[in-house]
């Protein structure tokens, strides 16, 4: 499908005009400045799009939180060593298998439904559905996701569908568990909904390691307002480590 350059770049604008918003985090009180440039997708680039980078649909609150955690990420030096913060931003693609390293990802993507796309990354219109970015802190066994819910995720009028919330909880806890015990599959996901999430709002999804027992990884998770004043959802998850080589032999 041919897409004109005008349509491709329509809607992208500089973030320098965004108003400063003071969002108080539960564990941070400082307000951070907007200094991140929006990554424009190029029709001539062979690199896959990293959906974890800011785009024009991100609201001021999501941008502020992104800057807050991104400023605490470790920086790689010329010698390849990491210095600075304890957080790491996780890149996100529409087909993680295709861009996986060290696991034959490109080859596997060709034999396992090459047209498949990740459920949370298959909407072309930015801001319409799942807008999110994950940061992981390996020292504290924590993972934080900044999630902005688009208008296509409606359940109750004006609020996010419970299935969309469950999808994001599974995405965050599953990613976290994969970093701890890769690769894994979801064995159990127990969710308690406390307060609805308004469409278009930004929330924090926090994942913490509870325990590891053999093949089992236990994760707890909560979805809260960005200032920590309202708890939207609580969840616990169990993940089981799987044998990739066994799956490949079956394929």
Protein backbone atom coordinates (compact mmCIF):
# COMPACT_ATOMS: atom_id res chain seq x y z
CA UNK A 1 0.00 0.00 0.00
CA UNK A 2 1.46 3.35 -1.03
CA UNK A 3 1.30 6.13 1.51
CA UNK A 4 2.09 9.73 0.61
CA UNK A 5 4.80 11.49 2.54
CA UNK A 6 2.28 14.14 3.52
CA UNK A 7 0.07 11.57 5.21
CA UNK A 8 3.03 9.77 6.74
CA UNK A 9 4.24 12.87 8.53
CA UNK A 10 0.79 14.39 9.19
CA UNK A 11 0.15 15.07 12.82
CA UNK A 12 3.80 15.13 13.92
CA UNK A 13 4.80 18.36 15.61
CA UNK A 14 7.48 19.70 17.88
CA UNK A 15 7.13 18.95 21.56
CA UNK A 16 8.66 22.29 22.48
CA UNK A 17 5.18 23.81 22.55
CA UNK A 18 3.91 21.39 25.20
CA UNK A 19 2.99 23.14 28.45
CA UNK A 20 4.89 22.19 31.56
CA UNK A 21 2.84 19.95 33.79
CA UNK A 22 3.74 19.26 37.38
CA UNK A 23 3.02 15.64 38.08
CA UNK A 24 3.93 14.41 41.52
CA UNK A 25 5.21 10.85 41.51
CA UNK A 26 4.72 8.78 44.61
CA UNK A 27 8.47 8.26 44.94
CA UNK A 28 9.74 11.44 43.22
CA UNK A 29 8.77 15.05 43.84
CA UNK A 30 10.83 16.88 41.22
CA UNK A 31 9.40 18.12 37.94
CA UNK A 32 11.40 17.24 34.85
CA UNK A 33 11.79 19.26 31.68
CA UNK A 34 10.80 18.32 28.13
CA UNK A 35 13.91 17.76 26.09
CA UNK A 36 13.23 14.60 24.09
CA UNK A 37 12.86 14.86 20.33
CA UNK A 38 10.04 12.98 18.64
CA UNK A 39 11.34 10.13 16.50
CA UNK A 40 9.86 10.49 13.03
CA UNK A 41 9.55 7.25 11.04
CA UNK A 42 11.36 7.49 7.72
CA UNK A 43 9.98 5.75 4.63
CA UNK A 44 13.57 5.29 3.46
CA UNK A 45 14.90 3.71 6.65
CA UNK A 46 15.58 -0.02 6.82
CA UNK A 47 15.57 0.02 10.61
CA UNK A 48 12.44 -1.23 12.40
CA UNK A 49 10.35 1.34 14.22
CA UNK A 50 10.92 1.44 17.94
CA UNK A 51 7.46 2.04 19.42
CA UNK A 52 8.91 2.89 22.83
CA UNK A 53 10.17 6.24 21.56
CA UNK A 54 8.01 9.38 21.88
CA UNK A 55 5.57 10.29 19.11
CA UNK A 56 3.18 13.18 18.53
CA UNK A 57 0.27 11.44 20.28
CA UNK A 58 1.99 11.36 23.66
CA UNK A 59 0.41 13.80 26.06
CA UNK A 60 2.39 16.13 28.38
CA UNK A 61 1.97 13.77 31.33
CA UNK A 62 3.33 10.77 29.45
CA UNK A 63 6.23 12.83 28.12
CA UNK A 64 7.07 14.08 31.59
CA UNK A 65 7.11 10.57 33.03
CA UNK A 66 9.17 9.33 30.09
CA UNK A 67 11.73 12.06 30.76
CA UNK A 68 11.72 11.25 34.46
CA UNK A 69 12.74 7.62 33.96
CA UNK A 70 14.82 8.16 30.85
CA UNK A 71 16.99 10.64 32.74
CA UNK A 72 17.80 7.84 35.20
CA UNK A 73 18.87 5.35 32.53
CA UNK A 74 22.45 4.15 32.28
CA UNK A 75 24.52 5.63 29.47
CA UNK A 76 26.90 3.48 27.42
CA UNK A 77 30.42 4.87 27.06
CA UNK A 78 32.72 4.58 24.05
CA UNK A 79 34.32 1.56 25.72
CA UNK A 80 30.97 -0.22 25.85
CA UNK A 81 30.59 0.18 29.61
CA UNK A 82 27.39 1.47 31.19
CA UNK A 83 27.53 4.36 33.60
CA UNK A 84 24.98 6.39 35.50
CA UNK A 85 21.46 5.37 36.42
CA UNK A 86 20.00 2.00 37.30
CA UNK A 87 17.08 2.07 34.85
CA UNK A 88 17.04 0.79 31.27
CA UNK A 89 14.47 1.65 28.60
CA UNK A 90 13.28 -1.42 26.72
CA UNK A 91 12.87 -1.04 22.93
CA UNK A 92 9.54 -2.25 21.53
CA UNK A 93 8.78 -3.50 18.01
CA UNK A 94 5.67 -4.81 16.28
CA UNK A 95 7.29 -8.22 15.91
CA UNK A 96 9.78 -8.94 18.66
CA UNK A 97 10.55 -12.36 17.21
CA UNK A 98 11.76 -10.87 13.93
CA UNK A 99 14.19 -8.53 15.63
CA UNK A 100 15.34 -10.89 18.37
CA UNK A 101 19.09 -11.36 18.64
CA UNK A 102 20.84 -14.62 19.37
CA UNK A 103 17.73 -16.77 18.83
CA UNK A 104 17.49 -16.95 15.05
CA UNK A 105 14.68 -14.43 15.13
CA UNK A 106 14.75 -13.48 11.44
CA UNK A 107 14.63 -17.13 10.37
CA UNK A 108 11.86 -17.99 12.82
CA UNK A 109 9.72 -15.05 11.72
CA UNK A 110 9.72 -16.40 8.18
CA UNK A 111 8.41 -19.82 9.14
CA UNK A 112 5.99 -18.73 11.87
CA UNK A 113 3.37 -16.57 10.12
CA UNK A 114 5.51 -13.76 8.74
CA UNK A 115 2.50 -11.41 8.66
CA UNK A 116 1.84 -11.77 12.39
CA UNK A 117 2.15 -8.69 14.59
CA UNK A 118 2.16 -8.10 18.32
CA UNK A 119 -1.38 -7.44 19.55
CA UNK A 120 -0.41 -4.21 21.31
CA UNK A 121 1.57 -2.87 18.34
CA UNK A 122 -0.68 -3.55 15.34
CA UNK A 123 -2.55 -0.22 15.12
CA UNK A 124 -1.10 2.19 12.56
CA UNK A 125 -2.68 5.35 13.98
CA UNK A 126 -0.51 6.68 16.78
CA UNK A 127 -2.38 7.31 20.00
CA UNK A 128 -5.44 5.28 18.98
CA UNK A 129 -4.84 2.27 21.21
CA UNK A 130 -1.83 1.12 23.24
CA UNK A 131 0.83 3.78 23.77
CA UNK A 132 3.40 2.64 26.28
CA UNK A 133 7.06 2.41 27.19
CA UNK A 134 8.77 0.10 29.69
CA UNK A 135 11.73 0.75 31.95
CA UNK A 136 13.43 -1.98 33.97
CA UNK A 137 15.57 -1.76 37.10
CA UNK A 138 17.51 -5.01 37.47
CA UNK A 139 19.04 -4.04 40.80
CA UNK A 140 15.60 -3.66 42.38
CA UNK A 141 13.87 -6.40 40.32
CA UNK A 142 11.30 -3.82 39.20
CA UNK A 143 9.69 -2.89 35.92
CA UNK A 144 7.68 0.28 35.28
CA UNK A 145 5.40 0.94 32.32
CA UNK A 146 4.01 4.33 31.33
CA UNK A 147 0.71 3.62 29.57
CA UNK A 148 -1.54 6.03 27.70
CA UNK A 149 -4.90 4.53 26.69
CA UNK A 150 -6.29 5.48 23.27
CA UNK A 151 -9.90 5.91 22.17
CA UNK A 152 -10.07 2.45 20.54
CA UNK A 153 -9.76 0.78 23.95
CA UNK A 154 -13.17 1.80 25.27
CA UNK A 155 -15.21 -0.55 27.42
CA UNK A 156 -17.59 1.25 29.78
CA UNK A 157 -18.46 4.64 28.24
CA UNK A 158 -15.46 6.91 28.48
CA UNK A 159 -13.27 4.31 30.19
CA UNK A 160 -10.74 1.63 29.26
CA UNK A 161 -11.97 -1.92 28.60
CA UNK A 162 -11.00 -4.44 31.29
CA UNK A 163 -9.54 -6.71 28.63
CA UNK A 164 -7.21 -3.94 27.47
CA UNK A 165 -6.04 -3.43 31.04
CA UNK A 166 -5.46 -7.17 31.41
CA UNK A 167 -3.50 -7.14 28.14
CA UNK A 168 -1.19 -4.44 29.44
CA UNK A 169 -0.71 -6.19 32.77
CA UNK A 170 0.19 -9.42 30.96
CA UNK A 171 2.53 -7.49 28.66
CA UNK A 172 4.37 -5.77 31.51
CA UNK A 173 4.61 -8.74 33.88
CA UNK A 174 5.45 -11.09 31.00
CA UNK A 175 8.24 -8.84 29.78
CA UNK A 176 9.57 -8.53 33.30
CA UNK A 177 9.46 -12.29 33.85
CA UNK A 178 11.18 -12.87 30.51
CA UNK A 179 14.06 -10.66 31.59
CA UNK A 180 14.34 -12.63 34.83
CA UNK A 181 13.80 -16.17 33.52
CA UNK A 182 13.66 -15.99 29.71
CA UNK A 183 11.82 -17.39 27.91
CA UNK A 184 8.53 -17.83 29.78
CA UNK A 185 4.82 -18.38 29.25
CA UNK A 186 1.90 -17.12 31.34
CA UNK A 187 0.53 -19.85 33.61
CA UNK A 188 -1.80 -17.76 35.77
CA UNK A 189 -2.96 -14.15 35.85
CA UNK A 190 -5.18 -13.00 38.72
CA UNK A 191 -6.61 -9.47 38.41
CA UNK A 192 -8.63 -7.31 40.81
CA UNK A 193 -10.16 -4.16 39.29
CA UNK A 194 -10.46 -1.29 41.78
CA UNK A 195 -11.18 1.92 39.86
CA UNK A 196 -11.86 2.48 36.14
CA UNK A 197 -9.28 4.19 33.94
CA UNK A 198 -10.56 7.14 31.85
CA UNK A 199 -9.82 6.97 28.13
CA UNK A 200 -6.88 9.12 27.12
CA UNK A 201 -5.39 9.17 30.59
CA UNK A 202 -1.87 8.09 31.53
CA UNK A 203 -1.22 5.53 34.27
CA UNK A 204 1.76 3.74 35.77
CA UNK A 205 1.95 -0.06 35.67
CA UNK A 206 4.51 -1.33 38.17
CA UNK A 207 5.76 -4.90 38.24
CA UNK A 208 7.83 -6.46 41.04
CA UNK A 209 9.43 -9.86 41.48
CA UNK A 210 7.94 -11.78 44.39
CA UNK A 211 9.79 -15.09 44.15
CA UNK A 212 11.49 -17.61 41.87
CA UNK A 213 11.07 -21.33 42.47
CA UNK A 214 12.62 -23.59 39.85
CA UNK A 215 10.77 -22.97 36.59
CA UNK A 216 8.24 -20.70 38.33
CA UNK A 217 8.49 -16.91 38.48
CA UNK A 218 5.97 -15.06 40.67
CA UNK A 219 5.23 -11.42 39.84
CA UNK A 220 2.99 -8.82 41.49
CA UNK A 221 1.66 -5.81 39.65
CA UNK A 222 -0.38 -2.67 40.26
CA UNK A 223 -1.88 -0.02 38.00
CA UNK A 224 -2.12 3.42 39.59
CA UNK A 225 -2.56 7.07 38.73
CA UNK A 226 0.69 8.87 37.98
CA UNK A 227 0.68 10.65 41.34
CA UNK A 228 -0.04 7.41 43.20
CA UNK A 229 -3.26 8.73 44.73
CA UNK A 230 -5.58 6.21 43.04
CA UNK A 231 -5.17 2.46 42.67
CA UNK A 232 -6.86 1.25 39.48
CA UNK A 233 -5.92 -2.42 39.37
CA UNK A 234 -3.96 -5.05 41.29
CA UNK A 235 -2.69 -8.34 39.90
CA UNK A 236 -0.49 -11.35 40.58
CA UNK A 237 1.02 -13.52 37.87
CA UNK A 238 2.79 -16.85 37.57
CA UNK A 239 5.13 -17.57 34.67
CA UNK A 240 6.80 -20.83 33.71
CA UNK A 241 10.16 -21.08 31.97
CA UNK A 242 9.97 -22.92 28.65
CA UNK A 243 12.50 -24.80 26.55
CA UNK A 244 12.91 -22.99 23.22
CA UNK A 245 15.01 -25.72 21.63
CA UNK A 246 12.21 -28.20 22.33
CA UNK A 247 9.71 -25.93 20.57
CA UNK A 248 12.02 -25.52 17.57
CA UNK A 249 12.41 -29.30 17.22
CA UNK A 250 8.63 -29.65 17.22
CA UNK A 251 8.37 -26.98 14.51
